[in-house]
Amino acid sequence: MRRIVMTLGVVAAAVTLVVSGPGSAYAAEGSLVVGGVEYVDPSGCYDTDSWPLTVDNYTDRPALVFAEPNCGGTPIEFVAPGASTVSEFGSSVYVP
């Protein structure tokens, strides 16, 4: 049951990002640390070979974790602003 709720939450977040995407032409403010690499004012997709994938989101926007490279497929995790996660299956991270 918990996985279903988590999946629905990730899908809802992805839909929100897709719908709001065209209106948000600026990068997130802050830093995003993906697999130990810091990106300042990130925007777009970040691939990594780091395992397990660690994501520290110090931005003002949510980040989505994908199991496939190039942010392909369906997001598997949602990382809220100010939150962190460790993902066993993560391969890329997207910040709108």
PDB file of N, CA and C in Angstrom:
ATOM      1  N   MET A   1       0.827  -1.194   0.000  1.00  0.00           N
ATOM      2  CA  MET A   1       0.000   0.000   0.000  1.00  0.00           C
ATOM      3  C   MET A   1       0.870   1.256   0.000  1.00  0.00           C
ATOM      4  N   ARG A   2       1.970   1.228   0.766  1.00  0.00           N
ATOM      5  CA  ARG A   2       2.847   2.390   0.840  1.00  0.00           C
ATOM      6  C   ARG A   2       3.459   2.696  -0.521  1.00  0.00           C
ATOM      7  N   ARG A   3       3.825   1.649  -1.271  1.00  0.00           N
ATOM      8  CA  ARG A   3       4.411   1.849  -2.598  1.00  0.00           C
ATOM      9  C   ARG A   3       3.401   2.469  -3.557  1.00  0.00           C
ATOM     10  N   ILE A   4       2.155   2.080  -3.452  1.00  0.00           N
ATOM     11  CA  ILE A   4       1.117   2.640  -4.322  1.00  0.00           C
ATOM     12  C   ILE A   4       0.964   4.129  -4.034  1.00  0.00           C
ATOM     13  N   VAL A   5       0.918   4.493  -2.756  1.00  0.00           N
ATOM     14  CA  VAL A   5       0.780   5.898  -2.381  1.00  0.00           C
ATOM     15  C   VAL A   5       2.001   6.678  -2.850  1.00  0.00           C
ATOM     16  N   MET A   6       3.208   6.117  -2.669  1.00  0.00           N
ATOM     17  CA  MET A   6       4.436   6.783  -3.106  1.00  0.00           C
ATOM     18  C   MET A   6       4.443   6.961  -4.625  1.00  0.00           C
ATOM     19  N   THR A   7       4.047   5.928  -5.353  1.00  0.00           N
ATOM     20  CA  THR A   7       4.000   5.992  -6.811  1.00  0.00           C
ATOM     21  C   THR A   7       3.014   7.052  -7.271  1.00  0.00           C
ATOM     22  N   LEU A   8       1.857   7.093  -6.648  1.00  0.00           N
ATOM     23  CA  LEU A   8       0.868   8.109  -7.012  1.00  0.00           C
ATOM     24  C   LEU A   8       1.396   9.509  -6.722  1.00  0.00           C
ATOM     25  N   GLY A   9       2.111   9.673  -5.632  1.00  0.00           N
ATOM     26  CA  GLY A   9       2.705  10.967  -5.301  1.00  0.00           C
ATOM     27  C   GLY A   9       3.740  11.393  -6.322  1.00  0.00           C
ATOM     28  N   VAL A  10       4.585  10.448  -6.751  1.00  0.00           N
ATOM     29  CA  VAL A  10       5.607  10.751  -7.757  1.00  0.00           C
ATOM     30  C   VAL A  10       4.953  11.106  -9.084  1.00  0.00           C
ATOM     31  N   VAL A  11       3.933  10.356  -9.472  1.00  0.00           N
ATOM     32  CA  VAL A  11       3.232  10.637 -10.730  1.00  0.00           C
ATOM     33  C   VAL A  11       2.565  12.013 -10.668  1.00  0.00           C
ATOM     34  N   ALA A  12       1.932  12.329  -9.551  1.00  0.00           N
ATOM     35  CA  ALA A  12       1.290  13.637  -9.400  1.00  0.00           C
ATOM     36  C   ALA A  12       2.318  14.762  -9.484  1.00  0.00           C
ATOM     37  N   ALA A  13       3.484  14.559  -8.870  1.00  0.00           N
ATOM     38  CA  ALA A  13       4.544  15.570  -8.930  1.00  0.00           C
ATOM     39  C   ALA A  13       5.048  15.731 -10.361  1.00  0.00           C
ATOM     40  N   ALA A  14       5.196  14.622 -11.061  1.00  0.00           N
ATOM     41  CA  ALA A  14       5.672  14.676 -12.449  1.00  0.00           C
ATOM     42  C   ALA A  14       4.675  15.417 -13.336  1.00  0.00           C
ATOM     43  N   VAL A  15       3.405  15.142 -13.150  1.00  0.00           N
ATOM     44  CA  VAL A  15       2.373  15.828 -13.936  1.00  0.00           C
ATOM     45  C   VAL A  15       2.406  17.321 -13.638  1.00  0.00           C
ATOM     46  N   THR A  16       2.551  17.685 -12.388  1.00  0.00           N
ATOM     47  CA  THR A  16       2.627  19.090 -12.010  1.00  0.00           C
ATOM     48  C   THR A  16       3.816  19.761 -12.681  1.00  0.00           C
ATOM     49  N   LEU A  17       4.966  19.074 -12.700  1.00  0.00           N
ATOM     50  CA  LEU A  17       6.155  19.646 -13.326  1.00  0.00           C
ATOM     51  C   LEU A  17       5.988  19.783 -14.829  1.00  0.00           C
ATOM     52  N   VAL A  18       5.359  18.812 -15.451  1.00  0.00           N
ATOM     53  CA  VAL A  18       5.158  18.877 -16.895  1.00  0.00           C
ATOM     54  C   VAL A  18       4.222  20.010 -17.248  1.00  0.00           C
ATOM     55  N   VAL A  19       3.159  20.165 -16.495  1.00  0.00           N
ATOM     56  CA  VAL A  19       2.183  21.219 -16.760  1.00  0.00           C
ATOM     57  C   VAL A  19       2.795  22.591 -16.511  1.00  0.00           C
ATOM     58  N   SER A  20       3.618  22.730 -15.476  1.00  0.00           N
ATOM     59  CA  SER A  20       4.191  24.035 -15.156  1.00  0.00           C
ATOM     60  C   SER A  20       5.507  24.288 -15.877  1.00  0.00           C
ATOM     61  N   GLY A  21       6.043  23.301 -16.561  1.00  0.00           N
ATOM     62  CA  GLY A  21       7.341  23.408 -17.217  1.00  0.00           C
ATOM     63  C   GLY A  21       7.513  24.577 -18.166  1.00  0.00           C
ATOM     64  N   PRO A  22       6.631  24.793 -19.143  1.00  0.00           N
ATOM     65  CA  PRO A  22       6.845  25.859 -20.108  1.00  0.00           C
ATOM     66  C   PRO A  22       6.901  27.257 -19.500  1.00  0.00           C
ATOM     67  N   GLY A  23       6.244  27.475 -18.386  1.00  0.00           N
ATOM     68  CA  GLY A  23       6.250  28.791 -17.770  1.00  0.00           C
ATOM     69  C   GLY A  23       7.457  29.048 -16.893  1.00  0.00           C
ATOM     70  N   SER A  24       8.278  28.037 -16.644  1.00  0.00           N
ATOM     71  CA  SER A  24       9.404  28.200 -15.743  1.00  0.00           C
ATOM     72  C   SER A  24      10.709  28.163 -16.522  1.00  0.00           C
ATOM     73  N   ALA A  25      11.119  29.325 -17.031  1.00  0.00           N
ATOM     74  CA  ALA A  25      12.286  29.399 -17.903  1.00  0.00           C
ATOM     75  C   ALA A  25      13.564  29.729 -17.148  1.00  0.00           C
ATOM     76  N   TYR A  26      13.549  29.745 -15.841  1.00  0.00           N
ATOM     77  CA  TYR A  26      14.754  30.055 -15.089  1.00  0.00           C
ATOM     78  C   TYR A  26      15.188  28.839 -14.274  1.00  0.00           C
ATOM     79  N   ALA A  27      16.460  28.832 -13.923  1.00  0.00           N
ATOM     80  CA  ALA A  27      17.020  27.719 -13.153  1.00  0.00           C
ATOM     81  C   ALA A  27      16.583  27.810 -11.698  1.00  0.00           C
ATOM     82  N   ALA A  28      16.637  26.678 -11.033  1.00  0.00           N
ATOM     83  CA  ALA A  28      16.372  26.655  -9.600  1.00  0.00           C
ATOM     84  C   ALA A  28      17.462  27.453  -8.894  1.00  0.00           C
ATOM     85  N   GLU A  29      17.131  28.036  -7.768  1.00  0.00           N
ATOM     86  CA  GLU A  29      18.130  28.758  -6.986  1.00  0.00           C
ATOM     87  C   GLU A  29      18.628  27.857  -5.877  1.00  0.00           C
ATOM     88  N   GLY A  30      19.938  27.807  -5.717  1.00  0.00           N
ATOM     89  CA  GLY A  30      20.541  26.971  -4.688  1.00  0.00           C
ATOM     90  C   GLY A  30      21.459  25.950  -5.322  1.00  0.00           C
ATOM     91  N   SER A  31      21.667  24.859  -4.602  1.00  0.00           N
ATOM     92  CA  SER A  31      22.544  23.820  -5.146  1.00  0.00           C
ATOM     93  C   SER A  31      21.894  22.454  -5.027  1.00  0.00           C
ATOM     94  N   LEU A  32      22.273  21.599  -5.969  1.00  0.00           N
ATOM     95  CA  LEU A  32      21.804  20.220  -6.020  1.00  0.00           C
ATOM     96  C   LEU A  32      23.052  19.349  -6.019  1.00  0.00           C
ATOM     97  N   VAL A  33      23.105  18.393  -5.092  1.00  0.00           N
ATOM     98  CA  VAL A  33      24.252  17.492  -5.027  1.00  0.00           C
ATOM     99  C   VAL A  33      23.770  16.114  -5.467  1.00  0.00           C
ATOM    100  N   VAL A  34      24.319  15.641  -6.592  1.00  0.00           N
ATOM    101  CA  VAL A  34      23.935  14.358  -7.183  1.00  0.00           C
ATOM    102  C   VAL A  34      25.163  13.456  -7.198  1.00  0.00           C
ATOM    103  N   GLY A  35      25.116  12.395  -6.416  1.00  0.00           N
ATOM    104  CA  GLY A  35      26.244  11.469  -6.378  1.00  0.00           C
ATOM    105  C   GLY A  35      27.541  12.127  -5.953  1.00  0.00           C
ATOM    106  N   GLY A  36      27.467  13.119  -5.080  1.00  0.00           N
ATOM    107  CA  GLY A  36      28.649  13.800  -4.589  1.00  0.00           C
ATOM    108  C   GLY A  36      29.115  14.969  -5.430  1.00  0.00           C
ATOM    109  N   VAL A  37      28.458  15.239  -6.560  1.00  0.00           N
ATOM    110  CA  VAL A  37      28.817  16.353  -7.434  1.00  0.00           C
ATOM    111  C   VAL A  37      27.803  17.477  -7.233  1.00  0.00           C
ATOM    112  N   GLU A  38      28.309  18.678  -6.952  1.00  0.00           N
ATOM    113  CA  GLU A  38      27.420  19.817  -6.696  1.00  0.00           C
ATOM    114  C   GLU A  38      27.171  20.612  -7.971  1.00  0.00           C
ATOM    115  N   TYR A  39      25.899  20.956  -8.190  1.00  0.00           N
ATOM    116  CA  TYR A  39      25.480  21.797  -9.310  1.00  0.00           C
ATOM    117  C   TYR A  39      24.812  23.034  -8.729  1.00  0.00           C
ATOM    118  N   VAL A  40      25.327  24.208  -9.058  1.00  0.00           N
ATOM    119  CA  VAL A  40      24.783  25.462  -8.540  1.00  0.00           C
ATOM    120  C   VAL A  40      23.739  25.988  -9.522  1.00  0.00           C
ATOM    121  N   ASP A  41      22.595  26.406  -8.969  1.00  0.00           N
ATOM    122  CA  ASP A  41      21.456  26.884  -9.758  1.00  0.00           C
ATOM    123  C   ASP A  41      21.131  25.913 -10.898  1.00  0.00           C
ATOM    124  N   PRO A  42      20.822  24.655 -10.552  1.00  0.00           N
ATOM    125  CA  PRO A  42      20.624  23.614 -11.567  1.00  0.00           C
ATOM    126  C   PRO A  42      19.340  23.783 -12.364  1.00  0.00           C
ATOM    127  N   SER A  43      19.377  23.224 -13.569  1.00  0.00           N
ATOM    128  CA  SER A  43      18.203  23.180 -14.420  1.00  0.00           C
ATOM    129  C   SER A  43      18.396  22.057 -15.425  1.00  0.00           C
ATOM    130  N   GLY A  44      17.420  21.166 -15.530  1.00  0.00           N
ATOM    131  CA  GLY A  44      17.516  20.079 -16.494  1.00  0.00           C
ATOM    132  C   GLY A  44      17.869  18.749 -15.860  1.00  0.00           C
ATOM    133  N   CYS A  45      18.479  17.881 -16.676  1.00  0.00           N
ATOM    134  CA  CYS A  45      18.746  16.499 -16.280  1.00  0.00           C
ATOM    135  C   CYS A  45      20.223  16.296 -15.961  1.00  0.00           C
ATOM    136  N   TYR A  46      20.486  15.528 -14.899  1.00  0.00           N
ATOM    137  CA  TYR A  46      21.847  15.218 -14.476  1.00  0.00           C
ATOM    138  C   TYR A  46      21.983  13.709 -14.330  1.00  0.00           C
ATOM    139  N   ASP A  47      22.858  13.126 -15.147  1.00  0.00           N
ATOM    140  CA  ASP A  47      23.126  11.687 -15.083  1.00  0.00           C
ATOM    141  C   ASP A  47      24.274  11.416 -14.123  1.00  0.00           C
ATOM    142  N   THR A  48      24.298  10.207 -13.574  1.00  0.00           N
ATOM    143  CA  THR A  48      25.381   9.811 -12.692  1.00  0.00           C
ATOM    144  C   THR A  48      25.568   8.298 -12.733  1.00  0.00           C
ATOM    145  N   ASP A  49      26.787   7.880 -12.459  1.00  0.00           N
ATOM    146  CA  ASP A  49      27.088   6.456 -12.334  1.00  0.00           C
ATOM    147  C   ASP A  49      27.203   6.061 -10.868  1.00  0.00           C
ATOM    148  N   SER A  50      26.962   7.002  -9.975  1.00  0.00           N
ATOM    149  CA  SER A  50      27.091   6.772  -8.539  1.00  0.00           C
ATOM    150  C   SER A  50      26.049   5.759  -8.062  1.00  0.00           C
ATOM    151  N   TRP A  51      26.505   4.803  -7.246  1.00  0.00           N
ATOM    152  CA  TRP A  51      25.574   3.824  -6.682  1.00  0.00           C
ATOM    153  C   TRP A  51      25.885   3.588  -5.228  1.00  0.00           C
ATOM    154  N   PRO A  52      24.926   3.632  -4.340  1.00  0.00           N
ATOM    155  CA  PRO A  52      23.561   4.090  -4.590  1.00  0.00           C
ATOM    156  C   PRO A  52      23.569   5.592  -4.853  1.00  0.00           C
ATOM    157  N   LEU A  53      22.575   6.050  -5.570  1.00  0.00           N
ATOM    158  CA  LEU A  53      22.478   7.458  -5.920  1.00  0.00           C
ATOM    159  C   LEU A  53      22.049   8.262  -4.702  1.00  0.00           C
ATOM    160  N   THR A  54      22.849   9.273  -4.367  1.00  0.00           N
ATOM    161  CA  THR A  54      22.470  10.184  -3.285  1.00  0.00           C
ATOM    162  C   THR A  54      22.091  11.524  -3.907  1.00  0.00           C
ATOM    163  N   VAL A  55      21.027  12.101  -3.399  1.00  0.00           N
ATOM    164  CA  VAL A  55      20.563  13.404  -3.883  1.00  0.00           C
ATOM    165  C   VAL A  55      20.292  14.286  -2.674  1.00  0.00           C
ATOM    166  N   ASP A  56      20.952  15.444  -2.637  1.00  0.00           N
ATOM    167  CA  ASP A  56      20.712  16.456  -1.611  1.00  0.00           C
ATOM    168  C   ASP A  56      20.201  17.688  -2.348  1.00  0.00           C
ATOM    169  N   ASN A  57      18.947  18.032  -2.094  1.00  0.00           N
ATOM    170  CA  ASN A  57      18.295  19.122  -2.817  1.00  0.00           C
ATOM    171  C   ASN A  57      18.249  20.374  -1.952  1.00  0.00           C
ATOM    172  N   TYR A  58      19.200  21.278  -2.170  1.00  0.00           N
ATOM    173  CA  TYR A  58      19.257  22.540  -1.449  1.00  0.00           C
ATOM    174  C   TYR A  58      18.744  23.675  -2.327  1.00  0.00           C
ATOM    175  N   THR A  59      17.791  23.375  -3.209  1.00  0.00           N
ATOM    176  CA  THR A  59      17.236  24.383  -4.112  1.00  0.00           C
ATOM    177  C   THR A  59      15.833  24.771  -3.655  1.00  0.00           C
ATOM    178  N   ASP A  60      15.247  25.689  -4.418  1.00  0.00           N
ATOM    179  CA  ASP A  60      13.877  26.118  -4.150  1.00  0.00           C
ATOM    180  C   ASP A  60      12.867  25.363  -5.010  1.00  0.00           C
ATOM    181  N   ARG A  61      13.309  24.297  -5.678  1.00  0.00           N
ATOM    182  CA  ARG A  61      12.439  23.494  -6.536  1.00  0.00           C
ATOM    183  C   ARG A  61      12.564  22.017  -6.197  1.00  0.00           C
ATOM    184  N   PRO A  62      11.545  21.233  -6.515  1.00  0.00           N
ATOM    185  CA  PRO A  62      11.646  19.784  -6.301  1.00  0.00           C
ATOM    186  C   PRO A  62      12.569  19.147  -7.346  1.00  0.00           C
ATOM    187  N   ALA A  63      13.060  17.981  -7.041  1.00  0.00           N
ATOM    188  CA  ALA A  63      13.872  17.205  -7.973  1.00  0.00           C
ATOM    189  C   ALA A  63      13.221  15.836  -8.138  1.00  0.00           C
ATOM    190  N   LEU A  64      13.307  15.294  -9.339  1.00  0.00           N
ATOM    191  CA  LEU A  64      12.759  13.971  -9.618  1.00  0.00           C
ATOM    192  C   LEU A  64      13.894  13.012  -9.944  1.00  0.00           C
ATOM    193  N   VAL A  65      13.855  11.826  -9.345  1.00  0.00           N
ATOM    194  CA  VAL A  65      14.862  10.793  -9.583  1.00  0.00           C
ATOM    195  C   VAL A  65      14.286   9.789 -10.582  1.00  0.00           C
ATOM    196  N   PHE A  66      15.093   9.432 -11.576  1.00  0.00           N
ATOM    197  CA  PHE A  66      14.699   8.470 -12.603  1.00  0.00           C
ATOM    198  C   PHE A  66      15.608   7.248 -12.558  1.00  0.00           C
ATOM    199  N   ALA A  67      15.067   6.089 -12.858  1.00  0.00           N
ATOM    200  CA  ALA A  67      15.856   4.865 -12.910  1.00  0.00           C
ATOM    201  C   ALA A  67      16.662   4.777 -14.195  1.00  0.00           C
ATOM    202  N   GLU A  68      16.214   5.455 -15.239  1.00  0.00           N
ATOM    203  CA  GLU A  68      16.879   5.404 -16.536  1.00  0.00           C
ATOM    204  C   GLU A  68      17.768   6.631 -16.736  1.00  0.00           C
ATOM    205  N   PRO A  69      18.851   6.487 -17.529  1.00  0.00           N
ATOM    206  CA  PRO A  69      19.687   7.648 -17.862  1.00  0.00           C
ATOM    207  C   PRO A  69      18.894   8.673 -18.662  1.00  0.00           C
ATOM    208  N   ASN A  70      19.396   9.892 -18.698  1.00  0.00           N
ATOM    209  CA  ASN A  70      18.776  10.993 -19.452  1.00  0.00           C
ATOM    210  C   ASN A  70      17.350  11.271 -19.003  1.00  0.00           C
ATOM    211  N   CYS A  71      17.053  10.977 -17.750  1.00  0.00           N
ATOM    212  CA  CYS A  71      15.737  11.232 -17.157  1.00  0.00           C
ATOM    213  C   CYS A  71      14.623  10.586 -17.967  1.00  0.00           C
ATOM    214  N   GLY A  72      14.894   9.390 -18.469  1.00  0.00           N
ATOM    215  CA  GLY A  72      13.909   8.664 -19.252  1.00  0.00           C
ATOM    216  C   GLY A  72      12.981   7.829 -18.393  1.00  0.00           C
ATOM    217  N   GLY A  73      11.825   7.551 -18.915  1.00  0.00           N
ATOM    218  CA  GLY A  73      10.856   6.720 -18.208  1.00  0.00           C
ATOM    219  C   GLY A  73      10.062   7.517 -17.187  1.00  0.00           C
ATOM    220  N   THR A  74       9.580   6.824 -16.199  1.00  0.00           N
ATOM    221  CA  THR A  74       8.763   7.411 -15.144  1.00  0.00           C
ATOM    222  C   THR A  74       9.623   7.723 -13.926  1.00  0.00           C
ATOM    223  N   PRO A  75       9.421   8.870 -13.277  1.00  0.00           N
ATOM    224  CA  PRO A  75      10.186   9.160 -12.064  1.00  0.00           C
ATOM    225  C   PRO A  75       9.907   8.121 -10.987  1.00  0.00           C
ATOM    226  N   ILE A  76      10.943   7.794 -10.229  1.00  0.00           N
ATOM    227  CA  ILE A  76      10.782   6.804  -9.157  1.00  0.00           C
ATOM    228  C   ILE A  76      10.804   7.429  -7.770  1.00  0.00           C
ATOM    229  N   GLU A  77      11.306   8.667  -7.670  1.00  0.00           N
ATOM    230  CA  GLU A  77      11.322   9.362  -6.380  1.00  0.00           C
ATOM    231  C   GLU A  77      11.167  10.861  -6.589  1.00  0.00           C
ATOM    232  N   PHE A  78      10.616  11.499  -5.575  1.00  0.00           N
ATOM    233  CA  PHE A  78      10.417  12.947  -5.531  1.00  0.00           C
ATOM    234  C   PHE A  78      11.245  13.468  -4.368  1.00  0.00           C
ATOM    235  N   VAL A  79      12.113  14.456  -4.626  1.00  0.00           N
ATOM    236  CA  VAL A  79      12.938  15.033  -3.565  1.00  0.00           C
ATOM    237  C   VAL A  79      12.525  16.495  -3.400  1.00  0.00           C
ATOM    238  N   ALA A  80      11.849  16.780  -2.321  1.00  0.00           N
ATOM    239  CA  ALA A  80      11.354  18.127  -2.050  1.00  0.00           C
ATOM    240  C   ALA A  80      12.516  19.085  -1.792  1.00  0.00           C
ATOM    241  N   PRO A  81      12.286  20.376  -1.968  1.00  0.00           N
ATOM    242  CA  PRO A  81      13.325  21.354  -1.632  1.00  0.00           C
ATOM    243  C   PRO A  81      13.751  21.192  -0.168  1.00  0.00           C
ATOM    244  N   GLY A  82      15.054  21.162   0.055  1.00  0.00           N
ATOM    245  CA  GLY A  82      15.586  21.003   1.403  1.00  0.00           C
ATOM    246  C   GLY A  82      15.688  19.560   1.867  1.00  0.00           C
ATOM    247  N   ALA A  83      15.290  18.610   1.039  1.00  0.00           N
ATOM    248  CA  ALA A  83      15.300  17.194   1.430  1.00  0.00           C
ATOM    249  C   ALA A  83      16.441  16.444   0.745  1.00  0.00           C
ATOM    250  N   SER A  84      16.675  15.227   1.233  1.00  0.00           N
ATOM    251  CA  SER A  84      17.702  14.348   0.675  1.00  0.00           C
ATOM    252  C   SER A  84      17.138  12.953   0.520  1.00  0.00           C
ATOM    253  N   THR A  85      17.783  12.152  -0.339  1.00  0.00           N
ATOM    254  CA  THR A  85      17.371  10.762  -0.504  1.00  0.00           C
ATOM    255  C   THR A  85      18.561   9.924  -0.936  1.00  0.00           C
ATOM    256  N   VAL A  86      18.453   8.641  -0.706  1.00  0.00           N
ATOM    257  CA  VAL A  86      19.400   7.660  -1.226  1.00  0.00           C
ATOM    258  C   VAL A  86      18.565   6.670  -2.024  1.00  0.00           C
ATOM    259  N   SER A  87      18.897   6.525  -3.299  1.00  0.00           N
ATOM    260  CA  SER A  87      18.101   5.689  -4.187  1.00  0.00           C
ATOM    261  C   SER A  87      18.949   4.552  -4.741  1.00  0.00           C
ATOM    262  N   GLU A  88      18.549   3.343  -4.443  1.00  0.00           N
ATOM    263  CA  GLU A  88      19.265   2.159  -4.922  1.00  0.00           C
ATOM    264  C   GLU A  88      19.157   2.011  -6.437  1.00  0.00           C
ATOM    265  N   PHE A  89      18.059   2.495  -7.018  1.00  0.00           N
ATOM    266  CA  PHE A  89      17.818   2.297  -8.441  1.00  0.00           C
ATOM    267  C   PHE A  89      17.943   3.566  -9.269  1.00  0.00           C
ATOM    268  N   GLY A  90      18.281   4.702  -8.652  1.00  0.00           N
ATOM    269  CA  GLY A  90      18.367   5.954  -9.367  1.00  0.00           C
ATOM    270  C   GLY A  90      19.549   6.025 -10.324  1.00  0.00           C
ATOM    271  N   SER A  91      19.330   6.693 -11.463  1.00  0.00           N
ATOM    272  CA  SER A  91      20.368   6.834 -12.482  1.00  0.00           C
ATOM    273  C   SER A  91      20.511   8.280 -12.973  1.00  0.00           C
ATOM    274  N   SER A  92      19.445   9.070 -12.808  1.00  0.00           N
ATOM    275  CA  SER A  92      19.489  10.470 -13.233  1.00  0.00           C
ATOM    276  C   SER A  92      18.505  11.287 -12.403  1.00  0.00           C
ATOM    277  N   VAL A  93      18.731  12.606 -12.389  1.00  0.00           N
ATOM    278  CA  VAL A  93      17.905  13.515 -11.588  1.00  0.00           C
ATOM    279  C   VAL A  93      17.520  14.715 -12.450  1.00  0.00           C
ATOM    280  N   TYR A  94      16.257  15.110 -12.365  1.00  0.00           N
ATOM    281  CA  TYR A  94      15.742  16.239 -13.141  1.00  0.00           C
ATOM    282  C   TYR A  94      15.264  17.350 -12.215  1.00  0.00           C
ATOM    283  N   VAL A  95      15.688  18.564 -12.532  1.00  0.00           N
ATOM    284  CA  VAL A  95      15.203  19.763 -11.826  1.00  0.00           C
ATOM    285  C   VAL A  95      14.591  20.681 -12.869  1.00  0.00           C
ATOM    286  N   PRO A  96      13.336  21.041 -12.712  1.00  0.00           N
ATOM    287  CA  PRO A  96      12.687  21.912 -13.709  1.00  0.00           C
ATOM    288  C   PRO A  96      13.216  23.336 -13.663  1.00  0.00           C
TER     289      PRO A  96
END
